[in-house]
C-alpha atoms as a PDB file:
ATOM      1  CA  UNK A   1     -12.157  74.389  17.371  1.00  0.00           C
ATOM      2  CA  UNK A   2     -10.755  71.545  15.128  1.00  0.00           C
ATOM      3  CA  UNK A   3      -9.682  69.680  18.413  1.00  0.00           C
ATOM      4  CA  UNK A   4     -13.143  70.324  19.926  1.00  0.00           C
ATOM      5  CA  UNK A   5     -15.062  68.609  17.109  1.00  0.00           C
ATOM      6  CA  UNK A   6     -13.143  65.914  16.999  1.00  0.00           C
ATOM      7  CA  UNK A   7     -14.271  65.021  20.704  1.00  0.00           C
ATOM      8  CA  UNK A   8     -17.934  64.881  19.631  1.00  0.00           C
ATOM      9  CA  UNK A   9     -19.472  61.687  19.919  1.00  0.00           C
ATOM     10  CA  UNK A  10     -19.036  59.327  17.303  1.00  0.00           C
ATOM     11  CA  UNK A  11     -21.687  59.395  14.764  1.00  0.00           C
ATOM     12  CA  UNK A  12     -22.559  57.381  11.239  1.00  0.00           C
ATOM     13  CA  UNK A  13     -20.106  58.401   8.441  1.00  0.00           C
ATOM     14  CA  UNK A  14     -21.754  60.675   5.954  1.00  0.00           C
ATOM     15  CA  UNK A  15     -21.860  59.909   2.432  1.00  0.00           C
ATOM     16  CA  UNK A  16     -22.839  61.893  -1.077  1.00  0.00           C
ATOM     17  CA  UNK A  17     -26.493  60.551  -0.184  1.00  0.00           C
ATOM     18  CA  UNK A  18     -26.596  61.475   3.379  1.00  0.00           C
ATOM     19  CA  UNK A  19     -25.761  64.981   2.518  1.00  0.00           C
ATOM     20  CA  UNK A  20     -29.132  66.220   1.158  1.00  0.00           C
ATOM     21  CA  UNK A  21     -30.842  64.169   3.499  1.00  0.00           C
ATOM     22  CA  UNK A  22     -33.474  65.980   5.624  1.00  0.00           C
ATOM     23  CA  UNK A  23     -32.366  67.002   9.203  1.00  0.00           C
ATOM     24  CA  UNK A  24     -34.698  68.571  12.073  1.00  0.00           C
ATOM     25  CA  UNK A  25     -33.985  71.890  12.594  1.00  0.00           C
ATOM     26  CA  UNK A  26     -31.223  73.074  15.376  1.00  0.00           C
ATOM     27  CA  UNK A  27     -31.156  69.255  16.994  1.00  0.00           C
ATOM     28  CA  UNK A  28     -28.844  68.467  19.929  1.00  0.00           C
ATOM     29  CA  UNK A  29     -25.598  68.078  17.859  1.00  0.00           C
ATOM     30  CA  UNK A  30     -26.274  71.410  16.357  1.00  0.00           C
ATOM     31  CA  UNK A  31     -26.593  72.891  19.734  1.00  0.00           C
ATOM     32  CA  UNK A  32     -23.306  71.108  20.451  1.00  0.00           C
ATOM     33  CA  UNK A  33     -21.270  72.397  17.357  1.00  0.00           C
ATOM     34  CA  UNK A  34     -22.633  76.017  18.679  1.00  0.00           C
ATOM     35  CA  UNK A  35     -20.997  75.581  21.700  1.00  0.00           C
ATOM     36  CA  UNK A  36     -17.893  74.627  20.808  1.00  0.00           C
ATOM     37  CA  UNK A  37     -17.786  77.542  17.877  1.00  0.00           C
ATOM     38  CA  UNK A  38     -18.852  79.813  20.778  1.00  0.00           C
ATOM     39  CA  UNK A  39     -16.130  78.657  22.915  1.00  0.00           C
ATOM     40  CA  UNK A  40     -13.522  78.592  20.105  1.00  0.00           C
ATOM     41  CA  UNK A  41     -14.229  82.383  19.667  1.00  0.00           C
ATOM     42  CA  UNK A  42     -13.903  83.288  23.026  1.00  0.00           C
ATOM     43  CA  UNK A  43     -10.217  81.369  23.390  1.00  0.00           C
ATOM     44  CA  UNK A  44      -9.454  82.943  19.938  1.00  0.00           C
ATOM     45  CA  UNK A  45      -9.587  86.543  21.582  1.00  0.00           C
ATOM     46  CA  UNK A  46     -11.993  87.789  18.784  1.00  0.00           C
ATOM     47  CA  UNK A  47     -14.571  88.713  21.204  1.00  0.00           C
ATOM     48  CA  UNK A  48     -12.422  91.325  22.392  1.00  0.00           C
ATOM     49  CA  UNK A  49     -12.875  93.320  19.221  1.00  0.00           C
ATOM     50  CA  UNK A  50     -16.700  93.030  19.774  1.00  0.00           C
ATOM     51  CA  UNK A  51     -16.413  94.308  23.061  1.00  0.00           C
ATOM     52  CA  UNK A  52     -14.267  96.848  21.980  1.00  0.00           C
ATOM     53  CA  UNK A  53     -16.383  97.939  19.343  1.00  0.00           C
ATOM     54  CA  UNK A  54     -20.073  97.960  21.512  1.00  0.00           C
ATOM     55  CA  UNK A  55     -17.928 100.086  23.726  1.00  0.00           C
ATOM     56  CA  UNK A  56     -17.073 102.556  20.943  1.00  0.00           C
ATOM     57  CA  UNK A  57     -20.728 102.832  19.748  1.00  0.00           C
ATOM     58  CA  UNK A  58     -21.872 103.770  23.285  1.00  0.00           C
ATOM     59  CA  UNK A  59     -18.613 106.194  23.634  1.00  0.00           C
ATOM     60  CA  UNK A  60     -19.968 107.668  20.346  1.00  0.00           C
ATOM     61  CA  UNK A  61     -23.987 107.867  20.960  1.00  0.00           C
ATOM     62  CA  UNK A  62     -24.621 107.517  24.335  1.00  0.00           C
ATOM     63  CA  UNK A  63     -22.573 109.176  26.841  1.00  0.00           C
ATOM     64  CA  UNK A  64     -23.166 113.082  25.845  1.00  0.00           C
ATOM     65  CA  UNK A  65     -25.812 114.770  27.823  1.00  0.00           C
ATOM     66  CA  UNK A  66     -29.335 113.511  29.100  1.00  0.00           C
ATOM     67  CA  UNK A  67     -30.409 110.593  27.113  1.00  0.00           C
ATOM     68  CA  UNK A  68     -34.270 109.788  25.444  1.00  0.00           C
ATOM     69  CA  UNK A  69     -35.365 106.152  25.297  1.00  0.00           C
ATOM     70  CA  UNK A  70     -36.105 106.952  21.500  1.00  0.00           C
ATOM     71  CA  UNK A  71     -32.608 108.678  20.887  1.00  0.00           C
ATOM     72  CA  UNK A  72     -31.391 105.461  22.341  1.00  0.00           C
ATOM     73  CA  UNK A  73     -33.211 102.849  20.111  1.00  0.00           C
ATOM     74  CA  UNK A  74     -32.686 104.908  17.137  1.00  0.00           C
ATOM     75  CA  UNK A  75     -29.300 104.491  17.220  1.00  0.00           C
ATOM     76  CA  UNK A  76     -28.375 101.622  18.713  1.00  0.00           C
ATOM     77  CA  UNK A  77     -30.687  99.344  16.011  1.00  0.00           C
ATOM     78  CA  UNK A  78     -28.821 100.337  13.480  1.00  0.00           C
ATOM     79  CA  UNK A  79     -25.172 100.777  14.986  1.00  0.00           C
ATOM     80  CA  UNK A  80     -25.245  97.116  16.769  1.00  0.00           C
ATOM     81  CA  UNK A  81     -26.867  95.790  13.322  1.00  0.00           C
ATOM     82  CA  UNK A  82     -23.769  96.911  11.495  1.00  0.00           C
ATOM     83  CA  UNK A  83     -21.697  95.056  14.369  1.00  0.00           C
ATOM     84  CA  UNK A  84     -23.647  92.021  13.851  1.00  0.00           C
ATOM     85  CA  UNK A  85     -22.720  91.827  10.116  1.00  0.00           C
ATOM     86  CA  UNK A  86     -18.516  92.335  11.194  1.00  0.00           C
ATOM     87  CA  UNK A  87     -18.760  90.263  14.117  1.00  0.00           C
ATOM     88  CA  UNK A  88     -20.656  87.429  12.233  1.00  0.00           C
ATOM     89  CA  UNK A  89     -18.464  87.485   9.321  1.00  0.00           C
ATOM     90  CA  UNK A  90     -15.126  87.007  10.939  1.00  0.00           C
ATOM     91  CA  UNK A  91     -16.714  84.138  13.343  1.00  0.00           C
ATOM     92  CA  UNK A  92     -18.291  82.745  10.230  1.00  0.00           C
ATOM     93  CA  UNK A  93     -14.445  82.450   8.115  1.00  0.00           C
ATOM     94  CA  UNK A  94     -12.834  81.275  11.275  1.00  0.00           C
ATOM     95  CA  UNK A  95     -15.248  78.248  11.285  1.00  0.00           C
ATOM     96  CA  UNK A  96     -15.567  77.472   7.743  1.00  0.00           C
ATOM     97  CA  UNK A  97     -11.844  76.911   7.344  1.00  0.00           C
ATOM     98  CA  UNK A  98     -10.784  73.772   4.629  1.00  0.00           C
ATOM     99  CA  UNK A  99      -9.091  72.058   7.584  1.00  0.00           C
ATOM    100  CA  UNK A 100     -12.466  71.641   9.297  1.00  0.00           C
ATOM    101  CA  UNK A 101     -13.953  69.485   6.339  1.00  0.00           C
ATOM    102  CA  UNK A 102     -12.423  66.318   7.589  1.00  0.00           C
ATOM    103  CA  UNK A 103     -13.825  66.953  10.731  1.00  0.00           C
ATOM    104  CA  UNK A 104     -17.269  67.136   9.240  1.00  0.00           C
ATOM    105  CA  UNK A 105     -17.150  63.251   8.414  1.00  0.00           C
ATOM    106  CA  UNK A 106     -17.839  62.859  11.810  1.00  0.00           C
ATOM    107  CA  UNK A 107     -21.374  64.112  11.913  1.00  0.00           C
ATOM    108  CA  UNK A 108     -24.296  62.731  10.435  1.00  0.00           C
ATOM    109  CA  UNK A 109     -25.302  65.674   8.150  1.00  0.00           C
ATOM    110  CA  UNK A 110     -23.482  68.838   7.077  1.00  0.00           C
ATOM    111  CA  UNK A 111     -26.723  70.670   8.126  1.00  0.00           C
ATOM    112  CA  UNK A 112     -26.133  70.240  11.867  1.00  0.00           C
ATOM    113  CA  UNK A 113     -22.783  71.990  11.169  1.00  0.00           C
ATOM    114  CA  UNK A 114     -24.433  75.063   9.642  1.00  0.00           C
ATOM    115  CA  UNK A 115     -27.193  74.775  12.182  1.00  0.00           C
ATOM    116  CA  UNK A 116     -24.394  75.135  14.451  1.00  0.00           C
ATOM    117  CA  UNK A 117     -22.976  78.020  13.037  1.00  0.00           C
ATOM    118  CA  UNK A 118     -25.745  79.830  12.628  1.00  0.00           C
ATOM    119  CA  UNK A 119     -27.153  79.323  16.367  1.00  0.00           C
ATOM    120  CA  UNK A 120     -23.651  80.716  17.529  1.00  0.00           C
ATOM    121  CA  UNK A 121     -23.429  83.710  15.726  1.00  0.00           C
ATOM    122  CA  UNK A 122     -27.395  84.717  16.565  1.00  0.00           C
ATOM    123  CA  UNK A 123     -26.882  83.863  19.961  1.00  0.00           C
ATOM    124  CA  UNK A 124     -23.538  85.842  20.537  1.00  0.00           C
ATOM    125  CA  UNK A 125     -25.771  88.823  19.623  1.00  0.00           C
ATOM    126  CA  UNK A 126     -27.486  88.714  23.284  1.00  0.00           C
ATOM    127  CA  UNK A 127     -24.925  88.870  25.407  1.00  0.00           C
ATOM    128  CA  UNK A 128     -23.226  91.917  23.109  1.00  0.00           C
ATOM    129  CA  UNK A 129     -26.439  93.730  23.599  1.00  0.00           C
ATOM    130  CA  UNK A 130     -26.730  93.276  27.000  1.00  0.00           C
ATOM    131  CA  UNK A 131     -23.548  94.577  27.039  1.00  0.00           C
ATOM    132  CA  UNK A 132     -24.235  97.882  25.643  1.00  0.00           C
ATOM    133  CA  UNK A 133     -27.133  98.207  27.961  1.00  0.00           C
ATOM    134  CA  UNK A 134     -25.154  97.906  30.903  1.00  0.00           C
ATOM    135  CA  UNK A 135     -22.322 100.220  29.637  1.00  0.00           C
ATOM    136  CA  UNK A 136     -25.892 102.748  29.101  1.00  0.00           C
ATOM    137  CA  UNK A 137     -27.078 101.975  32.395  1.00  0.00           C
ATOM    138  CA  UNK A 138     -23.897 102.431  34.115  1.00  0.00           C
ATOM    139  CA  UNK A 139     -23.861 106.156  33.061  1.00  0.00           C
ATOM    140  CA  UNK A 140     -27.205 107.006  32.606  1.00  0.00           C
ATOM    141  CA  UNK A 141     -29.124 105.969  35.774  1.00  0.00           C
ATOM    142  CA  UNK A 142     -32.406 107.479  34.736  1.00  0.00           C
ATOM    143  CA  UNK A 143     -33.747 107.235  30.603  1.00  0.00           C
ATOM    144  CA  UNK A 144     -36.283 109.994  29.860  1.00  0.00           C
ATOM    145  CA  UNK A 145     -39.472 108.227  28.493  1.00  0.00           C
ATOM    146  CA  UNK A 146     -38.287 104.708  29.553  1.00  0.00           C
ATOM    147  CA  UNK A 147     -40.935 101.715  30.599  1.00  0.00           C
ATOM    148  CA  UNK A 148     -40.843  97.967  31.009  1.00  0.00           C
ATOM    149  CA  UNK A 149     -42.803  97.869  28.031  1.00  0.00           C
ATOM    150  CA  UNK A 150     -41.616 100.007  25.846  1.00  0.00           C
ATOM    151  CA  UNK A 151     -37.838  98.771  26.793  1.00  0.00           C
ATOM    152  CA  UNK A 152     -38.892  95.129  25.946  1.00  0.00           C
ATOM    153  CA  UNK A 153     -40.712  95.828  23.128  1.00  0.00           C
ATOM    154  CA  UNK A 154     -37.442  98.096  21.579  1.00  0.00           C
ATOM    155  CA  UNK A 155     -34.892  95.564  22.690  1.00  0.00           C
ATOM    156  CA  UNK A 156     -36.949  92.753  21.153  1.00  0.00           C
ATOM    157  CA  UNK A 157     -36.857  94.904  17.657  1.00  0.00           C
ATOM    158  CA  UNK A 158     -33.065  95.248  18.224  1.00  0.00           C
ATOM    159  CA  UNK A 159     -32.355  91.550  18.822  1.00  0.00           C
ATOM    160  CA  UNK A 160     -34.184  90.368  15.846  1.00  0.00           C
ATOM    161  CA  UNK A 161     -32.474  92.760  13.628  1.00  0.00           C
ATOM    162  CA  UNK A 162     -29.357  91.824  14.853  1.00  0.00           C
ATOM    163  CA  UNK A 163     -29.959  88.436  14.791  1.00  0.00           C
ATOM    164  CA  UNK A 164     -31.160  88.991  11.417  1.00  0.00           C
ATOM    165  CA  UNK A 165     -28.091  90.564  10.276  1.00  0.00           C
ATOM    166  CA  UNK A 166     -26.431  87.461  11.772  1.00  0.00           C
ATOM    167  CA  UNK A 167     -27.891  84.816   9.570  1.00  0.00           C
ATOM    168  CA  UNK A 168     -27.757  86.548   6.606  1.00  0.00           C
ATOM    169  CA  UNK A 169     -23.775  87.164   7.317  1.00  0.00           C
ATOM    170  CA  UNK A 170     -23.353  83.278   7.463  1.00  0.00           C
ATOM    171  CA  UNK A 171     -25.444  82.626   4.224  1.00  0.00           C
ATOM    172  CA  UNK A 172     -23.849  84.613   2.258  1.00  0.00           C
ATOM    173  CA  UNK A 173     -20.261  83.313   3.143  1.00  0.00           C
ATOM    174  CA  UNK A 174     -18.070  81.383   0.994  1.00  0.00           C
ATOM    175  CA  UNK A 175     -18.320  78.517   0.659  1.00  0.00           C
ATOM    176  CA  UNK A 176     -21.994  78.501   1.461  1.00  0.00           C
ATOM    177  CA  UNK A 177     -23.189  81.131  -1.059  1.00  0.00           C
ATOM    178  CA  UNK A 178     -22.062  81.637  -4.433  1.00  0.00           C
ATOM    179  CA  UNK A 179     -20.380  84.614  -6.197  1.00  0.00           C
ATOM    180  CA  UNK A 180     -23.356  84.827  -8.314  1.00  0.00           C
ATOM    181  CA  UNK A 181     -25.328  85.015  -5.349  1.00  0.00           C
ATOM    182  CA  UNK A 182     -23.245  87.375  -3.635  1.00  0.00           C
ATOM    183  CA  UNK A 183     -23.228  89.709  -6.440  1.00  0.00           C
ATOM    184  CA  UNK A 184     -27.074  89.772  -7.128  1.00  0.00           C
ATOM    185  CA  UNK A 185     -27.258  90.425  -3.169  1.00  0.00           C
ATOM    186  CA  UNK A 186     -24.827  93.558  -3.604  1.00  0.00           C
ATOM    187  CA  UNK A 187     -26.599  94.778  -6.686  1.00  0.00           C
ATOM    188  CA  UNK A 188     -29.709  94.597  -4.892  1.00  0.00           C
ATOM    189  CA  UNK A 189     -28.078  97.076  -2.209  1.00  0.00           C
ATOM    190  CA  UNK A 190     -26.972  99.501  -4.654  1.00  0.00           C
ATOM    191  CA  UNK A 191     -30.546  99.726  -6.146  1.00  0.00           C
ATOM    192  CA  UNK A 192     -31.992 100.097  -2.835  1.00  0.00           C
ATOM    193  CA  UNK A 193     -29.047 103.134  -2.007  1.00  0.00           C
ATOM    194  CA  UNK A 194     -29.800 104.591  -5.468  1.00  0.00           C
ATOM    195  CA  UNK A 195     -33.198 104.534  -5.515  1.00  0.00           C
ATOM    196  CA  UNK A 196     -33.627 106.087  -1.693  1.00  0.00           C
ATOM    197  CA  UNK A 197     -30.593 108.925  -2.553  1.00  0.00           C
ATOM    198  CA  UNK A 198     -30.644 109.792  -6.056  1.00  0.00           C
ATOM    199  CA  UNK A 199     -33.826 109.587  -7.492  1.00  0.00           C
ATOM    200  CA  UNK A 200     -36.661 112.296  -8.110  1.00  0.00           C
ATOM    201  CA  UNK A 201     -39.682 111.655  -5.686  1.00  0.00           C
ATOM    202  CA  UNK A 202     -41.260 110.550  -8.455  1.00  0.00           C
ATOM    203  CA  UNK A 203     -39.545 108.224  -9.747  1.00  0.00           C
ATOM    204  CA  UNK A 204     -38.912 107.128  -6.069  1.00  0.00           C
ATOM    205  CA  UNK A 205     -42.145 105.423  -6.029  1.00  0.00           C
ATOM    206  CA  UNK A 206     -42.041 103.522  -9.012  1.00  0.00           C
ATOM    207  CA  UNK A 207     -39.045 102.162  -7.577  1.00  0.00           C
ATOM    208  CA  UNK A 208     -39.867 101.092  -4.506  1.00  0.00           C
ATOM    209  CA  UNK A 209     -40.543  97.325  -5.178  1.00  0.00           C
ATOM    210  CA  UNK A 210     -36.898  96.773  -4.446  1.00  0.00           C
ATOM    211  CA  UNK A 211     -37.393  97.903  -0.962  1.00  0.00           C
ATOM    212  CA  UNK A 212     -40.430  96.078  -0.226  1.00  0.00           C
ATOM    213  CA  UNK A 213     -37.809  93.487   1.552  1.00  0.00           C
ATOM    214  CA  UNK A 214     -36.893  95.828   4.146  1.00  0.00           C
ATOM    215  CA  UNK A 215     -40.112  96.585   5.575  1.00  0.00           C
ATOM    216  CA  UNK A 216     -39.797  94.115   8.283  1.00  0.00           C
ATOM    217  CA  UNK A 217     -36.589  95.830   9.607  1.00  0.00           C
ATOM    218  CA  UNK A 218     -38.182  99.292   9.079  1.00  0.00           C
ATOM    219  CA  UNK A 219     -41.518  97.556  11.062  1.00  0.00           C
ATOM    220  CA  UNK A 220     -39.173  96.432  13.976  1.00  0.00           C
ATOM    221  CA  UNK A 221     -37.517  99.758  13.911  1.00  0.00           C
ATOM    222  CA  UNK A 222     -40.821 102.049  14.204  1.00  0.00           C
ATOM    223  CA  UNK A 223     -41.994  99.733  16.946  1.00  0.00           C
ATOM    224  CA  UNK A 224     -38.428  99.782  19.251  1.00  0.00           C
ATOM    225  CA  UNK A 225     -38.762 103.817  18.502  1.00  0.00           C
ATOM    226  CA  UNK A 226     -41.881 104.370  19.606  1.00  0.00           C
ATOM    227  CA  UNK A 227     -42.236 101.628  22.201  1.00  0.00           C
ATOM    228  CA  UNK A 228     -45.737 100.523  20.782  1.00  0.00           C
ATOM    229  CA  UNK A 229     -46.949  97.846  18.479  1.00  0.00           C
ATOM    230  CA  UNK A 230     -49.642  97.080  16.115  1.00  0.00           C
ATOM    231  CA  UNK A 231     -50.849  94.952  13.836  1.00  0.00           C
ATOM    232  CA  UNK A 232     -47.973  95.789  10.995  1.00  0.00           C
ATOM    233  CA  UNK A 233     -45.455  95.686  13.529  1.00  0.00           C
ATOM    234  CA  UNK A 234     -46.603  92.305  14.649  1.00  0.00           C
ATOM    235  CA  UNK A 235     -46.653  91.206  10.659  1.00  0.00           C
ATOM    236  CA  UNK A 236     -43.237  92.879  10.598  1.00  0.00           C
ATOM    237  CA  UNK A 237     -41.806  90.042  13.435  1.00  0.00           C
ATOM    238  CA  UNK A 238     -43.555  87.206  11.456  1.00  0.00           C
ATOM    239  CA  UNK A 239     -42.174  88.126   8.347  1.00  0.00           C
ATOM    240  CA  UNK A 240     -38.696  88.909   9.859  1.00  0.00           C
ATOM    241  CA  UNK A 241     -38.911  85.389  11.506  1.00  0.00           C
ATOM    242  CA  UNK A 242     -39.807  83.695   8.223  1.00  0.00           C
ATOM    243  CA  UNK A 243     -36.661  85.403   6.631  1.00  0.00           C
ATOM    244  CA  UNK A 244     -34.648  83.679   9.147  1.00  0.00           C
ATOM    245  CA  UNK A 245     -36.176  80.413   8.625  1.00  0.00           C
ATOM    246  CA  UNK A 246     -35.544  80.779   4.779  1.00  0.00           C
ATOM    247  CA  UNK A 247     -31.852  81.870   5.541  1.00  0.00           C
ATOM    248  CA  UNK A 248     -31.277  78.584   7.593  1.00  0.00           C
ATOM    249  CA  UNK A 249     -32.832  76.142   4.710  1.00  0.00           C
ATOM    250  CA  UNK A 250     -31.063  78.316   2.101  1.00  0.00           C
ATOM    251  CA  UNK A 251     -27.622  77.755   4.081  1.00  0.00           C
ATOM    252  CA  UNK A 252     -28.215  74.138   4.461  1.00  0.00           C
ATOM    253  CA  UNK A 253     -29.171  73.456   0.883  1.00  0.00           C
ATOM    254  CA  UNK A 254     -26.190  75.560  -0.878  1.00  0.00           C
ATOM    255  CA  UNK A 255     -23.884  74.437   1.476  1.00  0.00           C
ATOM    256  CA  UNK A 256     -24.795  70.802   0.403  1.00  0.00           C
ATOM    257  CA  UNK A 257     -24.580  71.229  -2.992  1.00  0.00           C
ATOM    258  CA  UNK A 258     -20.978  72.811  -2.387  1.00  0.00           C
ATOM    259  CA  UNK A 259     -20.210  69.790  -0.437  1.00  0.00           C
ATOM    260  CA  UNK A 260     -21.270  67.413  -3.321  1.00  0.00           C
ATOM    261  CA  UNK A 261     -18.920  69.368  -5.761  1.00  0.00           C
ATOM    262  CA  UNK A 262     -15.548  69.128  -3.305  1.00  0.00           C
ATOM    263  CA  UNK A 263     -16.521  65.589  -3.031  1.00  0.00           C
END
């Protein structure tokens, strides 16, 4: 990765002011960073772990008996979301090494570097999901209730949630997010789990405000499971895309601030 980034075309050396200047989202240099990041991840061999984990999901959930379309998406969405968190964490931590900071001086903005990482980890979700589909269709030549429209809609829901988890992992990684931000997120997760499992139904009703941020994910899960989408499903997609945009902007802002401290 270090040698590959150094082969990028020379660009104006970044200064303190340039690190906070606005840069277009996902510009051409960001795609170059994404390409180098993916190639480095493939050469490192970590992609083998992703493949093994996808095969494990397939072996555990999709090899026994007949398979219906709702069974597939009900298992594929949460399991692939978890794999997205793990795989994205590995890729991000490998890329955000301290010895890469000198290489960032060749870029006109640190935002380009963050955009590239997010593009890489999000786009890697697509071939991994396609791999799960290949395993599944190799064994199950017929999936009960499968239609083209339902399959495409369900796959859209799975991929959106996978990419959301990938971007969330990047934005919460060090040195992008501070320890306080990570703690706040973990506290929210604990509250959501506690209110969902341990509280009585009466008290749970008043604590649902903490679960509202999960609405877009639940909307994607519902239309992936049922193969049909209504106005609330489209709203969930819009909110999910807004989440992704917020994650990208937050990562840019936090990483720029952290860089100012390091400089």
